[in-house]
C-alpha atoms as a PDB file:
ATOM      1  CA  UNK A   1     -24.196  61.685 -38.535  1.00  0.00           C
ATOM      2  CA  UNK A   2     -20.993  59.520 -37.360  1.00  0.00           C
ATOM      3  CA  UNK A   3     -21.403  55.565 -38.132  1.00  0.00           C
ATOM      4  CA  UNK A   4     -20.977  53.026 -35.571  1.00  0.00           C
ATOM      5  CA  UNK A   5     -18.881  50.425 -36.056  1.00  0.00           C
ATOM      6  CA  UNK A   6     -18.965  47.469 -33.337  1.00  0.00           C
ATOM      7  CA  UNK A   7     -16.293  46.513 -32.061  1.00  0.00           C
ATOM      8  CA  UNK A   8     -15.414  42.963 -32.162  1.00  0.00           C
ATOM      9  CA  UNK A   9     -13.388  41.883 -29.069  1.00  0.00           C
ATOM     10  CA  UNK A  10     -10.064  40.503 -29.782  1.00  0.00           C
ATOM     11  CA  UNK A  11      -9.281  36.197 -29.006  1.00  0.00           C
ATOM     12  CA  UNK A  12      -6.842  37.689 -27.037  1.00  0.00           C
ATOM     13  CA  UNK A  13      -8.482  39.287 -24.724  1.00  0.00           C
ATOM     14  CA  UNK A  14     -11.079  36.381 -24.383  1.00  0.00           C
ATOM     15  CA  UNK A  15      -8.320  34.297 -23.452  1.00  0.00           C
ATOM     16  CA  UNK A  16      -6.788  36.342 -20.768  1.00  0.00           C
ATOM     17  CA  UNK A  17     -10.374  36.836 -19.376  1.00  0.00           C
ATOM     18  CA  UNK A  18     -10.499  33.140 -19.231  1.00  0.00           C
ATOM     19  CA  UNK A  19      -7.267  32.787 -17.605  1.00  0.00           C
ATOM     20  CA  UNK A  20      -7.822  35.764 -15.363  1.00  0.00           C
ATOM     21  CA  UNK A  21     -11.478  33.985 -13.984  1.00  0.00           C
ATOM     22  CA  UNK A  22      -9.514  30.196 -14.198  1.00  0.00           C
ATOM     23  CA  UNK A  23      -6.959  31.597 -11.736  1.00  0.00           C
ATOM     24  CA  UNK A  24      -9.180  33.214  -9.762  1.00  0.00           C
ATOM     25  CA  UNK A  25     -11.314  29.727  -9.009  1.00  0.00           C
ATOM     26  CA  UNK A  26      -8.541  28.293  -7.951  1.00  0.00           C
ATOM     27  CA  UNK A  27      -7.741  30.849  -5.456  1.00  0.00           C
ATOM     28  CA  UNK A  28     -10.688  30.430  -4.435  1.00  0.00           C
ATOM     29  CA  UNK A  29     -10.399  26.647  -3.800  1.00  0.00           C
ATOM     30  CA  UNK A  30      -6.971  27.525  -2.281  1.00  0.00           C
ATOM     31  CA  UNK A  31      -8.812  30.092   0.127  1.00  0.00           C
ATOM     32  CA  UNK A  32     -11.341  27.443   1.233  1.00  0.00           C
ATOM     33  CA  UNK A  33      -9.577  24.861   1.849  1.00  0.00           C
ATOM     34  CA  UNK A  34      -7.011  26.844   3.678  1.00  0.00           C
ATOM     35  CA  UNK A  35     -10.320  28.380   6.337  1.00  0.00           C
ATOM     36  CA  UNK A  36     -12.158  24.925   6.326  1.00  0.00           C
ATOM     37  CA  UNK A  37      -9.052  23.406   7.867  1.00  0.00           C
ATOM     38  CA  UNK A  38      -8.093  25.948  10.270  1.00  0.00           C
ATOM     39  CA  UNK A  39     -11.359  26.211  11.545  1.00  0.00           C
ATOM     40  CA  UNK A  40     -11.468  22.150  11.720  1.00  0.00           C
ATOM     41  CA  UNK A  41      -8.259  23.016  14.009  1.00  0.00           C
ATOM     42  CA  UNK A  42      -6.190  21.166  11.777  1.00  0.00           C
ATOM     43  CA  UNK A  43      -3.274  23.895  12.125  1.00  0.00           C
ATOM     44  CA  UNK A  44      -3.609  23.985  15.758  1.00  0.00           C
ATOM     45  CA  UNK A  45      -2.043  22.464  18.276  1.00  0.00           C
ATOM     46  CA  UNK A  46       1.308  24.408  18.524  1.00  0.00           C
ATOM     47  CA  UNK A  47       1.169  27.268  21.364  1.00  0.00           C
ATOM     48  CA  UNK A  48       4.723  27.989  21.079  1.00  0.00           C
ATOM     49  CA  UNK A  49       3.408  29.320  17.318  1.00  0.00           C
ATOM     50  CA  UNK A  50       0.380  30.755  18.552  1.00  0.00           C
ATOM     51  CA  UNK A  51      -1.501  28.582  15.770  1.00  0.00           C
ATOM     52  CA  UNK A  52      -4.621  28.783  18.067  1.00  0.00           C
ATOM     53  CA  UNK A  53      -5.245  32.222  16.515  1.00  0.00           C
ATOM     54  CA  UNK A  54      -5.339  30.492  13.325  1.00  0.00           C
ATOM     55  CA  UNK A  55      -8.813  29.150  14.192  1.00  0.00           C
ATOM     56  CA  UNK A  56     -10.447  33.080  15.451  1.00  0.00           C
ATOM     57  CA  UNK A  57      -8.785  34.501  11.878  1.00  0.00           C
ATOM     58  CA  UNK A  58      -9.505  31.478   9.947  1.00  0.00           C
ATOM     59  CA  UNK A  59     -13.640  31.803  10.869  1.00  0.00           C
ATOM     60  CA  UNK A  60     -12.881  35.871  10.403  1.00  0.00           C
ATOM     61  CA  UNK A  61     -12.336  35.267   6.772  1.00  0.00           C
ATOM     62  CA  UNK A  62     -14.824  32.613   6.199  1.00  0.00           C
ATOM     63  CA  UNK A  63     -17.932  35.028   7.814  1.00  0.00           C
ATOM     64  CA  UNK A  64     -16.249  38.080   5.924  1.00  0.00           C
ATOM     65  CA  UNK A  65     -16.728  36.243   2.493  1.00  0.00           C
ATOM     66  CA  UNK A  66     -19.907  34.994   3.677  1.00  0.00           C
ATOM     67  CA  UNK A  67     -20.978  38.489   3.940  1.00  0.00           C
ATOM     68  CA  UNK A  68     -19.217  39.800   0.909  1.00  0.00           C
ATOM     69  CA  UNK A  69     -20.685  36.913  -1.083  1.00  0.00           C
ATOM     70  CA  UNK A  70     -24.926  37.608   0.459  1.00  0.00           C
ATOM     71  CA  UNK A  71     -23.856  41.589  -0.241  1.00  0.00           C
ATOM     72  CA  UNK A  72     -23.078  40.424  -3.979  1.00  0.00           C
ATOM     73  CA  UNK A  73     -26.232  38.190  -4.634  1.00  0.00           C
ATOM     74  CA  UNK A  74     -28.229  40.489  -3.334  1.00  0.00           C
ATOM     75  CA  UNK A  75     -27.177  43.719  -5.610  1.00  0.00           C
ATOM     76  CA  UNK A  76     -27.562  41.040  -8.472  1.00  0.00           C
ATOM     77  CA  UNK A  77     -30.932  40.223  -7.413  1.00  0.00           C
ATOM     78  CA  UNK A  78     -31.710  43.955  -7.087  1.00  0.00           C
ATOM     79  CA  UNK A  79     -30.768  45.162 -10.695  1.00  0.00           C
ATOM     80  CA  UNK A  80     -33.271  43.050 -12.180  1.00  0.00           C
ATOM     81  CA  UNK A  81     -36.166  44.769 -10.896  1.00  0.00           C
END
């Protein structure tokens, strides 16, 4: 018979997870703002640099992120059953 001792989480590991989550949130906000500005045409108008392509890329990124969020949400709902 073996005894099972509960593993205690170290504060450093918890702080690392909080820092990682904060960085991911900041990255998500920056990415969302970039996609919003691109979709609004803020960076377009420079045909020499092909910036009109940014609007298409931005819309594709927005669609991909929306699809990913939808898939993850449905997986979470299916796990509850």
